[in-house]
């Protein structure tokens, strides 16, 4: 009865419950909330949190964990138990992948366009000044 592992991406909001938690207990509470969320939504028996995800939650200390986390969950069946492995989603969405962002220019593109315009303007101005002398 071997099945393919199920892969799901979740965005887990911590803020509503962490706001009511004392500041010095927030990162450990975020880890518990993460486990509870994954257990509830995947119906897994065991939750394994990746080391990079744990470091990301603890990155700013015990008092300021992130407000929400985007994770990739891989659910596998091992020896009659459902095991959910949770990893941090780190890749960014590219502009080419989202057609609604086509008209938006990236700051580096703007700087290149301004430099090209300046280069075009300077030779014309210098050529105009010479005939008047």
Protein backbone atom coordinates (compact mmCIF):
# COMPACT_ATOMS: atom_id res chain seq x y z
CA UNK A 1 0.00 0.00 0.00
CA UNK A 2 2.74 2.47 -0.90
CA UNK A 3 1.47 5.81 -2.13
CA UNK A 4 3.22 8.80 -3.60
CA UNK A 5 4.10 11.48 -1.05
CA UNK A 6 1.62 14.34 -0.95
CA UNK A 7 3.12 17.85 -1.25
CA UNK A 8 1.14 20.89 -0.10
CA UNK A 9 2.12 24.55 0.41
CA UNK A 10 0.57 26.33 3.41
CA UNK A 11 0.81 29.91 4.68
CA UNK A 12 0.55 29.67 8.46
CA UNK A 13 -0.54 32.83 10.33
CA UNK A 14 0.97 33.12 13.81
CA UNK A 15 -0.01 36.67 14.69
CA UNK A 16 -3.60 36.27 15.99
CA UNK A 17 -2.51 33.89 18.74
CA UNK A 18 1.02 35.21 19.31
CA UNK A 19 -0.36 38.68 19.99
CA UNK A 20 -1.96 37.36 23.17
CA UNK A 21 1.21 35.51 24.27
CA UNK A 22 3.84 37.09 26.54
CA UNK A 23 6.82 38.41 24.55
CA UNK A 24 9.34 36.05 26.17
CA UNK A 25 7.33 32.94 25.08
CA UNK A 26 6.51 33.80 21.45
CA UNK A 27 9.05 31.75 19.42
CA UNK A 28 8.38 28.47 21.30
CA UNK A 29 4.64 29.13 20.95
CA UNK A 30 5.09 29.71 17.20
CA UNK A 31 6.74 26.27 16.89
CA UNK A 32 3.83 24.66 18.79
CA UNK A 33 1.29 26.51 16.61
CA UNK A 34 3.10 25.33 13.49
CA UNK A 35 2.93 21.69 14.64
CA UNK A 36 -0.73 21.99 15.62
CA UNK A 37 -1.63 23.55 12.25
CA UNK A 38 0.15 20.82 10.27
CA UNK A 39 -1.36 18.04 12.40
CA UNK A 40 -4.84 19.47 11.92
CA UNK A 41 -4.62 20.04 8.17
CA UNK A 42 -2.71 16.92 7.10
CA UNK A 43 -4.06 14.48 9.73
CA UNK A 44 -0.49 13.23 10.20
CA UNK A 45 0.74 11.29 13.24
CA UNK A 46 4.23 12.84 13.36
CA UNK A 47 5.46 16.30 12.32
CA UNK A 48 9.13 16.84 11.46
CA UNK A 49 10.27 20.48 11.21
CA UNK A 50 13.25 21.25 8.96
CA UNK A 51 16.25 22.92 10.60
CA UNK A 52 16.12 25.96 8.25
CA UNK A 53 12.49 26.59 9.17
CA UNK A 54 13.33 26.41 12.87
CA UNK A 55 16.21 28.87 12.39
CA UNK A 56 13.94 31.20 10.39
CA UNK A 57 11.41 31.32 13.24
CA UNK A 58 14.13 31.93 15.85
CA UNK A 59 16.12 34.34 13.62
CA UNK A 60 14.99 37.55 15.35
CA UNK A 61 15.00 36.07 18.84
CA UNK A 62 12.41 34.70 21.23
CA UNK A 63 10.30 37.87 21.32
CA UNK A 64 9.82 38.59 17.58
CA UNK A 65 9.03 35.52 15.45
CA UNK A 66 7.60 36.16 11.97
CA UNK A 67 3.88 37.01 11.70
CA UNK A 68 3.31 34.29 9.11
CA UNK A 69 5.36 31.59 7.41
CA UNK A 70 5.02 29.94 4.00
CA UNK A 71 5.91 26.24 4.24
CA UNK A 72 6.03 23.20 1.97
CA UNK A 73 4.65 20.05 3.61
CA UNK A 74 5.51 16.57 2.37
CA UNK A 75 3.24 13.84 3.78
CA UNK A 76 4.51 10.25 3.54
CA UNK A 77 3.35 6.95 4.99
CA UNK A 78 6.13 5.08 6.82
CA UNK A 79 5.40 1.86 8.71
CA UNK A 80 1.67 2.53 9.20
CA UNK A 81 2.33 6.13 10.37
CA UNK A 82 1.73 9.36 8.48
CA UNK A 83 4.83 11.54 8.71
CA UNK A 84 4.63 15.22 7.69
CA UNK A 85 7.97 16.88 6.90
CA UNK A 86 7.75 20.69 6.93
CA UNK A 87 10.23 22.89 5.04
CA UNK A 88 10.50 26.65 4.50
CA UNK A 89 9.51 27.97 1.05
CA UNK A 90 12.35 30.25 -0.04
CA UNK A 91 12.00 30.69 -3.80
CA UNK A 92 10.63 33.96 -5.12
CA UNK A 93 8.00 34.34 -7.85
CA UNK A 94 9.55 35.72 -11.03
CA UNK A 95 7.92 38.52 -13.04
CA UNK A 96 7.76 36.30 -16.14
CA UNK A 97 5.66 33.77 -14.22
CA UNK A 98 3.04 36.41 -13.34
CA UNK A 99 1.63 38.21 -16.42
CA UNK A 100 -0.21 40.83 -14.34
CA UNK A 101 3.19 42.25 -13.28
CA UNK A 102 4.46 42.89 -16.82
CA UNK A 103 4.03 46.68 -16.73
CA UNK A 104 5.93 47.09 -13.47
CA UNK A 105 9.56 48.13 -13.90
CA UNK A 106 12.26 46.93 -11.56
CA UNK A 107 14.45 49.68 -9.98
CA UNK A 108 17.61 48.42 -11.74
CA UNK A 109 15.84 48.75 -15.11
CA UNK A 110 14.92 52.36 -14.27
CA UNK A 111 18.52 53.25 -13.43
CA UNK A 112 19.76 51.77 -16.73
CA UNK A 113 17.16 53.75 -18.71
CA UNK A 114 18.13 57.01 -16.95
CA UNK A 115 21.83 56.44 -17.70
CA UNK A 116 21.07 55.82 -21.39
CA UNK A 117 18.99 59.04 -21.59
CA UNK A 118 21.79 61.07 -19.98
CA UNK A 119 24.35 59.65 -22.42
CA UNK A 120 22.11 60.61 -25.36
CA UNK A 121 21.53 64.15 -24.03
CA UNK A 122 25.17 65.11 -23.40
CA UNK A 123 26.55 64.72 -26.98
CA UNK A 124 23.66 66.75 -28.44
CA UNK A 125 24.19 69.62 -26.02
CA UNK A 126 27.91 69.82 -26.72
CA UNK A 127 27.36 69.82 -30.50
CA UNK A 128 24.84 72.67 -30.19
CA UNK A 129 27.26 74.84 -28.22
CA UNK A 130 30.11 74.64 -30.77
CA UNK A 131 28.30 76.36 -33.74
CA UNK A 132 27.27 79.33 -31.59
CA UNK A 133 30.93 80.20 -30.77
